[in-house]
PDB file of N, CA and C in Angstrom:
ATOM      1  N   MET A   1     138.413  76.695 124.507  1.00  0.00           N
ATOM      2  CA  MET A   1     137.441  77.196 123.563  1.00  0.00           C
ATOM      3  C   MET A   1     136.126  77.421 124.290  1.00  0.00           C
ATOM      4  N   SER A   2     135.514  78.600 124.072  1.00  0.00           N
ATOM      5  CA  SER A   2     134.245  78.903 124.738  1.00  0.00           C
ATOM      6  C   SER A   2     133.128  79.002 123.703  1.00  0.00           C
ATOM      7  N   LEU A   3     131.946  78.730 124.166  1.00  0.00           N
ATOM      8  CA  LEU A   3     130.755  78.778 123.320  1.00  0.00           C
ATOM      9  C   LEU A   3     129.943  80.013 123.700  1.00  0.00           C
ATOM     10  N   THR A   4     129.595  80.817 122.732  1.00  0.00           N
ATOM     11  CA  THR A   4     128.803  82.026 122.967  1.00  0.00           C
ATOM     12  C   THR A   4     127.501  81.919 122.192  1.00  0.00           C
ATOM     13  N   ILE A   5     126.399  82.230 122.888  1.00  0.00           N
ATOM     14  CA  ILE A   5     125.080  82.198 122.249  1.00  0.00           C
ATOM     15  C   ILE A   5     124.453  83.581 122.405  1.00  0.00           C
ATOM     16  N   ASN A   6     124.003  84.131 121.327  1.00  0.00           N
ATOM     17  CA  ASN A   6     123.296  85.411 121.360  1.00  0.00           C
ATOM     18  C   ASN A   6     121.800  85.155 121.233  1.00  0.00           C
ATOM     19  N   ILE A   7     121.049  85.701 122.173  1.00  0.00           N
ATOM     20  CA  ILE A   7     119.596  85.581 122.128  1.00  0.00           C
ATOM     21  C   ILE A   7     119.032  86.977 121.905  1.00  0.00           C
ATOM     22  N   VAL A   8     118.311  87.122 120.814  1.00  0.00           N
ATOM     23  CA  VAL A   8     117.719  88.411 120.481  1.00  0.00           C
ATOM     24  C   VAL A   8     116.325  88.463 121.090  1.00  0.00           C
ATOM     25  N   ILE A   9     116.082  89.506 121.869  1.00  0.00           N
ATOM     26  CA  ILE A   9     114.762  89.694 122.469  1.00  0.00           C
ATOM     27  C   ILE A   9     114.120  90.900 121.789  1.00  0.00           C
ATOM     28  N   ILE A  10     112.996  90.646 121.146  1.00  0.00           N
ATOM     29  CA  ILE A  10     112.287  91.692 120.413  1.00  0.00           C
ATOM     30  C   ILE A  10     111.156  92.216 121.293  1.00  0.00           C
ATOM     31  N   GLU A  11     111.108  93.535 121.423  1.00  0.00           N
ATOM     32  CA  GLU A  11     110.046  94.149 122.201  1.00  0.00           C
ATOM     33  C   GLU A  11     108.740  94.012 121.426  1.00  0.00           C
ATOM     34  N   GLU A  12     107.688  93.616 122.135  1.00  0.00           N
ATOM     35  CA  GLU A  12     106.407  93.388 121.488  1.00  0.00           C
ATOM     36  C   GLU A  12     105.317  94.113 122.257  1.00  0.00           C
ATOM     37  N   TYR A  13     104.399  94.730 121.524  1.00  0.00           N
ATOM     38  CA  TYR A  13     103.270  95.408 122.158  1.00  0.00           C
ATOM     39  C   TYR A  13     102.230  94.370 122.549  1.00  0.00           C
ATOM     40  N   ILE A  14     101.784  94.428 123.775  1.00  0.00           N
ATOM     41  CA  ILE A  14     100.751  93.524 124.262  1.00  0.00           C
ATOM     42  C   ILE A  14      99.543  94.366 124.639  1.00  0.00           C
ATOM     43  N   GLN A  15      98.446  94.091 123.987  1.00  0.00           N
ATOM     44  CA  GLN A  15      97.228  94.854 124.224  1.00  0.00           C
ATOM     45  C   GLN A  15      96.706  94.553 125.622  1.00  0.00           C
ATOM     46  N   THR A  16      96.351  95.604 126.356  1.00  0.00           N
ATOM     47  CA  THR A  16      95.854  95.427 127.724  1.00  0.00           C
ATOM     48  C   THR A  16      94.412  95.868 127.887  1.00  0.00           C
ATOM     49  N   ILE A  17      93.811  96.392 126.817  1.00  0.00           N
ATOM     50  CA  ILE A  17      92.423  96.846 126.870  1.00  0.00           C
ATOM     51  C   ILE A  17      91.680  96.285 125.658  1.00  0.00           C
ATOM     52  N   LYS A  18      90.462  95.846 125.890  1.00  0.00           N
ATOM     53  CA  LYS A  18      89.625  95.317 124.818  1.00  0.00           C
ATOM     54  C   LYS A  18      88.315  96.093 124.829  1.00  0.00           C
ATOM     55  N   HIS A  19      87.829  96.439 123.642  1.00  0.00           N
ATOM     56  CA  HIS A  19      86.539  97.110 123.514  1.00  0.00           C
ATOM     57  C   HIS A  19      85.544  96.093 122.976  1.00  0.00           C
ATOM     58  N   THR A  20      84.393  95.986 123.635  1.00  0.00           N
ATOM     59  CA  THR A  20      83.419  94.983 123.240  1.00  0.00           C
ATOM     60  C   THR A  20      82.016  95.457 123.559  1.00  0.00           C
ATOM     61  N   ILE A  21      81.052  94.802 122.976  1.00  0.00           N
ATOM     62  CA  ILE A  21      79.649  94.967 123.357  1.00  0.00           C
ATOM     63  C   ILE A  21      79.187  93.580 123.758  1.00  0.00           C
ATOM     64  N   VAL A  22      78.693  93.466 124.968  1.00  0.00           N
ATOM     65  CA  VAL A  22      78.313  92.167 125.522  1.00  0.00           C
ATOM     66  C   VAL A  22      77.068  91.647 124.802  1.00  0.00           C
ATOM     67  N   LYS A  23      77.146  90.388 124.376  1.00  0.00           N
ATOM     68  CA  LYS A  23      76.045  89.758 123.657  1.00  0.00           C
ATOM     69  C   LYS A  23      74.800  89.713 124.535  1.00  0.00           C
ATOM     70  N   ASN A  24      73.655  90.002 123.933  1.00  0.00           N
ATOM     71  CA  ASN A  24      72.341  89.981 124.591  1.00  0.00           C
ATOM     72  C   ASN A  24      72.210  91.004 125.716  1.00  0.00           C
ATOM     73  N   SER A  25      73.029  92.043 125.688  1.00  0.00           N
ATOM     74  CA  SER A  25      72.963  93.077 126.720  1.00  0.00           C
ATOM     75  C   SER A  25      72.100  94.245 126.234  1.00  0.00           C
ATOM     76  N   LYS A  26      71.791  95.137 127.168  1.00  0.00           N
ATOM     77  CA  LYS A  26      71.057  96.358 126.822  1.00  0.00           C
ATOM     78  C   LYS A  26      71.868  97.184 125.824  1.00  0.00           C
ATOM     79  N   GLU A  27      73.190  97.210 126.018  1.00  0.00           N
ATOM     80  CA  GLU A  27      74.062  97.960 125.109  1.00  0.00           C
ATOM     81  C   GLU A  27      73.989  97.415 123.685  1.00  0.00           C
ATOM     82  N   GLU A  28      73.946  96.080 123.560  1.00  0.00           N
ATOM     83  CA  GLU A  28      73.859  95.477 122.229  1.00  0.00           C
ATOM     84  C   GLU A  28      72.532  95.855 121.561  1.00  0.00           C
ATOM     85  N   LYS A  29      71.444  95.791 122.307  1.00  0.00           N
ATOM     86  CA  LYS A  29      70.136  96.148 121.746  1.00  0.00           C
ATOM     87  C   LYS A  29      70.113  97.611 121.316  1.00  0.00           C
ATOM     88  N   ASN A  30      70.678  98.494 122.142  1.00  0.00           N
ATOM     89  CA  ASN A  30      70.723  99.919 121.798  1.00  0.00           C
ATOM     90  C   ASN A  30      71.642 100.172 120.603  1.00  0.00           C
ATOM     91  N   PHE A  31      72.767  99.454 120.554  1.00  0.00           N
ATOM     92  CA  PHE A  31      73.692  99.563 119.421  1.00  0.00           C
ATOM     93  C   PHE A  31      72.979  99.186 118.125  1.00  0.00           C
ATOM     94  N   LEU A  32      72.291  98.061 118.131  1.00  0.00           N
ATOM     95  CA  LEU A  32      71.598  97.609 116.928  1.00  0.00           C
ATOM     96  C   LEU A  32      70.474  98.561 116.536  1.00  0.00           C
ATOM     97  N   ALA A  33      69.744  99.098 117.511  1.00  0.00           N
ATOM     98  CA  ALA A  33      68.674 100.055 117.216  1.00  0.00           C
ATOM     99  C   ALA A  33      69.250 101.313 116.569  1.00  0.00           C
ATOM    100  N   ASP A  34      70.354 101.827 117.118  1.00  0.00           N
ATOM    101  CA  ASP A  34      70.994 103.014 116.544  1.00  0.00           C
ATOM    102  C   ASP A  34      71.558 102.721 115.153  1.00  0.00           C
ATOM    103  N   LEU A  35      72.101 101.531 114.966  1.00  0.00           N
ATOM    104  CA  LEU A  35      72.649 101.143 113.665  1.00  0.00           C
ATOM    105  C   LEU A  35      71.543 101.083 112.618  1.00  0.00           C
ATOM    106  N   ILE A  36      70.408 100.515 112.975  1.00  0.00           N
ATOM    107  CA  ILE A  36      69.273 100.431 112.048  1.00  0.00           C
ATOM    108  C   ILE A  36      68.787 101.832 111.680  1.00  0.00           C
ATOM    109  N   LYS A  37      68.702 102.723 112.673  1.00  0.00           N
ATOM    110  CA  LYS A  37      68.305 104.110 112.390  1.00  0.00           C
ATOM    111  C   LYS A  37      69.276 104.767 111.418  1.00  0.00           C
ATOM    112  N   SER A  38      70.568 104.514 111.604  1.00  0.00           N
ATOM    113  CA  SER A  38      71.592 105.100 110.744  1.00  0.00           C
ATOM    114  C   SER A  38      71.444 104.610 109.306  1.00  0.00           C
ATOM    115  N   VAL A  39      71.150 103.332 109.141  1.00  0.00           N
ATOM    116  CA  VAL A  39      70.972 102.772 107.793  1.00  0.00           C
ATOM    117  C   VAL A  39      69.739 103.395 107.135  1.00  0.00           C
ATOM    118  N   LYS A  40      68.670 103.537 107.907  1.00  0.00           N
ATOM    119  CA  LYS A  40      67.440 104.109 107.347  1.00  0.00           C
ATOM    120  C   LYS A  40      67.608 105.572 106.954  1.00  0.00           C
ATOM    121  N   LYS A  41      68.513 106.295 107.615  1.00  0.00           N
ATOM    122  CA  LYS A  41      68.733 107.708 107.321  1.00  0.00           C
ATOM    123  C   LYS A  41      69.600 107.935 106.083  1.00  0.00           C
ATOM    124  N   LEU A  42      70.241 106.895 105.583  1.00  0.00           N
ATOM    125  CA  LEU A  42      71.114 107.065 104.418  1.00  0.00           C
ATOM    126  C   LEU A  42      70.311 107.576 103.226  1.00  0.00           C
ATOM    127  N   ASN A  43      70.791 108.630 102.615  1.00  0.00           N
ATOM    128  CA  ASN A  43      70.145 109.204 101.442  1.00  0.00           C
ATOM    129  C   ASN A  43      70.750 108.572 100.193  1.00  0.00           C
ATOM    130  N   THR A  44      70.039 107.608  99.642  1.00  0.00           N
ATOM    131  CA  THR A  44      70.552 106.890  98.467  1.00  0.00           C
ATOM    132  C   THR A  44      69.849 107.325  97.181  1.00  0.00           C
ATOM    133  N   GLU A  45      69.066 108.394  97.248  1.00  0.00           N
ATOM    134  CA  GLU A  45      68.333 108.852  96.062  1.00  0.00           C
ATOM    135  C   GLU A  45      69.242 109.488  95.014  1.00  0.00           C
ATOM    136  N   HIS A  46      70.372 110.003  95.428  1.00  0.00           N
ATOM    137  CA  HIS A  46      71.235 110.744  94.505  1.00  0.00           C
ATOM    138  C   HIS A  46      72.545 110.011  94.216  1.00  0.00           C
ATOM    139  N   LEU A  47      72.475 108.719  94.027  1.00  0.00           N
ATOM    140  CA  LEU A  47      73.677 107.944  93.710  1.00  0.00           C
ATOM    141  C   LEU A  47      73.916 107.991  92.197  1.00  0.00           C
ATOM    142  N   LEU A  48      74.338 109.151  91.753  1.00  0.00           N
ATOM    143  CA  LEU A  48      74.540 109.343  90.323  1.00  0.00           C
ATOM    144  C   LEU A  48      76.001 109.257  89.924  1.00  0.00           C
ATOM    145  N   SER A  49      76.881 109.189  90.915  1.00  0.00           N
ATOM    146  CA  SER A  49      78.308 109.137  90.587  1.00  0.00           C
ATOM    147  C   SER A  49      79.061 108.366  91.666  1.00  0.00           C
ATOM    148  N   LYS A  50      80.292 108.014  91.328  1.00  0.00           N
ATOM    149  CA  LYS A  50      81.151 107.330  92.299  1.00  0.00           C
ATOM    150  C   LYS A  50      81.451 108.235  93.486  1.00  0.00           C
ATOM    151  N   GLU A  51      81.552 109.534  93.230  1.00  0.00           N
ATOM    152  CA  GLU A  51      81.844 110.480  94.312  1.00  0.00           C
ATOM    153  C   GLU A  51      80.707 110.512  95.337  1.00  0.00           C
ATOM    154  N   ASN A  52      79.466 110.500  94.839  1.00  0.00           N
ATOM    155  CA  ASN A  52      78.317 110.473  95.756  1.00  0.00           C
ATOM    156  C   ASN A  52      78.305 109.195  96.581  1.00  0.00           C
ATOM    157  N   LEU A  53      78.571 108.078  95.920  1.00  0.00           N
ATOM    158  CA  LEU A  53      78.614 106.799  96.634  1.00  0.00           C
ATOM    159  C   LEU A  53      79.722 106.809  97.674  1.00  0.00           C
ATOM    160  N   LYS A  54      80.881 107.313  97.302  1.00  0.00           N
ATOM    161  CA  LYS A  54      82.007 107.380  98.228  1.00  0.00           C
ATOM    162  C   LYS A  54      81.648 108.224  99.447  1.00  0.00           C
ATOM    163  N   TYR A  55      81.008 109.366  99.222  1.00  0.00           N
ATOM    164  CA  TYR A  55      80.608 110.235 100.324  1.00  0.00           C
ATOM    165  C   TYR A  55      79.631 109.521 101.259  1.00  0.00           C
ATOM    166  N   ILE A  56      78.643 108.837 100.697  1.00  0.00           N
ATOM    167  CA  ILE A  56      77.648 108.132 101.520  1.00  0.00           C
ATOM    168  C   ILE A  56      78.307 107.011 102.323  1.00  0.00           C
ATOM    169  N   VAL A  57      79.214 106.273 101.707  1.00  0.00           N
ATOM    170  CA  VAL A  57      79.916 105.193 102.414  1.00  0.00           C
ATOM    171  C   VAL A  57      80.771 105.764 103.546  1.00  0.00           C
ATOM    172  N   GLN A  58      81.460 106.875 103.296  1.00  0.00           N
ATOM    173  CA  GLN A  58      82.276 107.506 104.341  1.00  0.00           C
ATOM    174  C   GLN A  58      81.401 108.000 105.490  1.00  0.00           C
ATOM    175  N   GLU A  59      80.270 108.612 105.158  1.00  0.00           N
ATOM    176  CA  GLU A  59      79.350 109.089 106.182  1.00  0.00           C
ATOM    177  C   GLU A  59      78.827 107.919 107.020  1.00  0.00           C
ATOM    178  N   PHE A  60      78.460 106.823 106.360  1.00  0.00           N
ATOM    179  CA  PHE A  60      77.961 105.641 107.058  1.00  0.00           C
ATOM    180  C   PHE A  60      79.042 105.047 107.962  1.00  0.00           C
ATOM    181  N   THR A  61      80.267 104.959 107.465  1.00  0.00           N
ATOM    182  CA  THR A  61      81.382 104.441 108.262  1.00  0.00           C
ATOM    183  C   THR A  61      81.602 105.306 109.503  1.00  0.00           C
ATOM    184  N   HIS A  62      81.569 106.607 109.320  1.00  0.00           N
ATOM    185  CA  HIS A  62      81.719 107.532 110.448  1.00  0.00           C
ATOM    186  C   HIS A  62      80.602 107.312 111.471  1.00  0.00           C
ATOM    187  N   ASN A  63      79.378 107.153 111.004  1.00  0.00           N
ATOM    188  CA  ASN A  63      78.251 106.930 111.912  1.00  0.00           C
ATOM    189  C   ASN A  63      78.387 105.618 112.676  1.00  0.00           C
ATOM    190  N   ILE A  64      78.844 104.582 111.998  1.00  0.00           N
ATOM    191  CA  ILE A  64      79.030 103.291 112.677  1.00  0.00           C
ATOM    192  C   ILE A  64      80.056 103.429 113.798  1.00  0.00           C
ATOM    193  N   LYS A  65      81.158 104.131 113.536  1.00  0.00           N
ATOM    194  CA  LYS A  65      82.183 104.322 114.571  1.00  0.00           C
ATOM    195  C   LYS A  65      81.615 105.075 115.762  1.00  0.00           C
ATOM    196  N   LYS A  66      80.842 106.142 115.490  1.00  0.00           N
ATOM    197  CA  LYS A  66      80.236 106.908 116.584  1.00  0.00           C
ATOM    198  C   LYS A  66      79.301 106.033 117.406  1.00  0.00           C
ATOM    199  N   ILE A  67      78.487 105.224 116.739  1.00  0.00           N
ATOM    200  CA  ILE A  67      77.538 104.341 117.430  1.00  0.00           C
ATOM    201  C   ILE A  67      78.296 103.297 118.247  1.00  0.00           C
ATOM    202  N   TRP A  68      79.346 102.723 117.674  1.00  0.00           N
ATOM    203  CA  TRP A  68      80.144 101.707 118.368  1.00  0.00           C
ATOM    204  C   TRP A  68      80.729 102.274 119.659  1.00  0.00           C
ATOM    205  N   TYR A  69      81.383 103.427 119.555  1.00  0.00           N
ATOM    206  CA  TYR A  69      82.015 104.016 120.736  1.00  0.00           C
ATOM    207  C   TYR A  69      81.000 104.493 121.760  1.00  0.00           C
ATOM    208  N   LYS A  70      79.793 104.784 121.328  1.00  0.00           N
ATOM    209  CA  LYS A  70      78.730 105.190 122.254  1.00  0.00           C
ATOM    210  C   LYS A  70      78.305 104.023 123.147  1.00  0.00           C
ATOM    211  N   HIS A  71      78.318 102.794 122.614  1.00  0.00           N
ATOM    212  CA  HIS A  71      77.756 101.649 123.324  1.00  0.00           C
ATOM    213  C   HIS A  71      78.787 100.631 123.823  1.00  0.00           C
ATOM    214  N   LEU A  72      80.060 100.785 123.477  1.00  0.00           N
ATOM    215  CA  LEU A  72      81.035  99.763 123.841  1.00  0.00           C
ATOM    216  C   LEU A  72      81.335  99.730 125.331  1.00  0.00           C
ATOM    217  N   LYS A  73      81.899  98.621 125.748  1.00  0.00           N
ATOM    218  CA  LYS A  73      82.375  98.447 127.113  1.00  0.00           C
ATOM    219  C   LYS A  73      83.870  98.203 127.025  1.00  0.00           C
ATOM    220  N   THR A  74      84.632  98.885 127.875  1.00  0.00           N
ATOM    221  CA  THR A  74      86.081  98.710 127.900  1.00  0.00           C
ATOM    222  C   THR A  74      86.425  97.678 128.971  1.00  0.00           C
ATOM    223  N   VAL A  75      87.196  96.677 128.578  1.00  0.00           N
ATOM    224  CA  VAL A  75      87.594  95.603 129.482  1.00  0.00           C
ATOM    225  C   VAL A  75      89.113  95.588 129.565  1.00  0.00           C
ATOM    226  N   ASN A  76      89.645  95.581 130.769  1.00  0.00           N
ATOM    227  CA  ASN A  76      91.092  95.441 130.954  1.00  0.00           C
ATOM    228  C   ASN A  76      91.454  93.972 130.809  1.00  0.00           C
ATOM    229  N   ILE A  77      92.427  93.700 129.970  1.00  0.00           N
ATOM    230  CA  ILE A  77      92.862  92.330 129.727  1.00  0.00           C
ATOM    231  C   ILE A  77      93.931  91.977 130.762  1.00  0.00           C
ATOM    232  N   THR A  78      93.686  90.882 131.460  1.00  0.00           N
ATOM    233  CA  THR A  78      94.645  90.376 132.415  1.00  0.00           C
ATOM    234  C   THR A  78      94.959  88.934 132.053  1.00  0.00           C
ATOM    235  N   LYS A  79      95.968  88.373 132.693  1.00  0.00           N
ATOM    236  CA  LYS A  79      96.319  86.986 132.362  1.00  0.00           C
ATOM    237  C   LYS A  79      95.261  86.008 132.853  1.00  0.00           C
ATOM    238  N   HIS A  80      94.319  86.477 133.697  1.00  0.00           N
ATOM    239  CA  HIS A  80      93.273  85.604 134.215  1.00  0.00           C
ATOM    240  C   HIS A  80      91.926  85.835 133.529  1.00  0.00           C
ATOM    241  N   LEU A  81      91.869  86.714 132.531  1.00  0.00           N
ATOM    242  CA  LEU A  81      90.624  87.045 131.844  1.00  0.00           C
ATOM    243  C   LEU A  81      90.165  85.872 131.008  1.00  0.00           C
ATOM    244  N   LYS A  82      88.882  85.529 131.150  1.00  0.00           N
ATOM    245  CA  LYS A  82      88.298  84.481 130.321  1.00  0.00           C
ATOM    246  C   LYS A  82      87.495  85.148 129.224  1.00  0.00           C
ATOM    247  N   LEU A  83      87.853  84.877 127.974  1.00  0.00           N
ATOM    248  CA  LEU A  83      87.147  85.480 126.839  1.00  0.00           C
ATOM    249  C   LEU A  83      86.120  84.540 126.272  1.00  0.00           C
TER     250      LEU A  83
END
């Protein structure tokens, strides 16, 4: 009589790149300055409907993404990386 064992190996995605803004860096200061400008530019005078609010929120979200990608730093993740 023989014993058979099946081991299922599931393929898993391992992230190898991290996007970050270094704390207390020039990039962080510029990111925050641009973010503050973006908030101040929001036109909230015409919030008369849910559609207007939705549009403003979408515009703000888009601006945040643009600002983030403008200032981020890409870091390659290795097994020796200290986070």
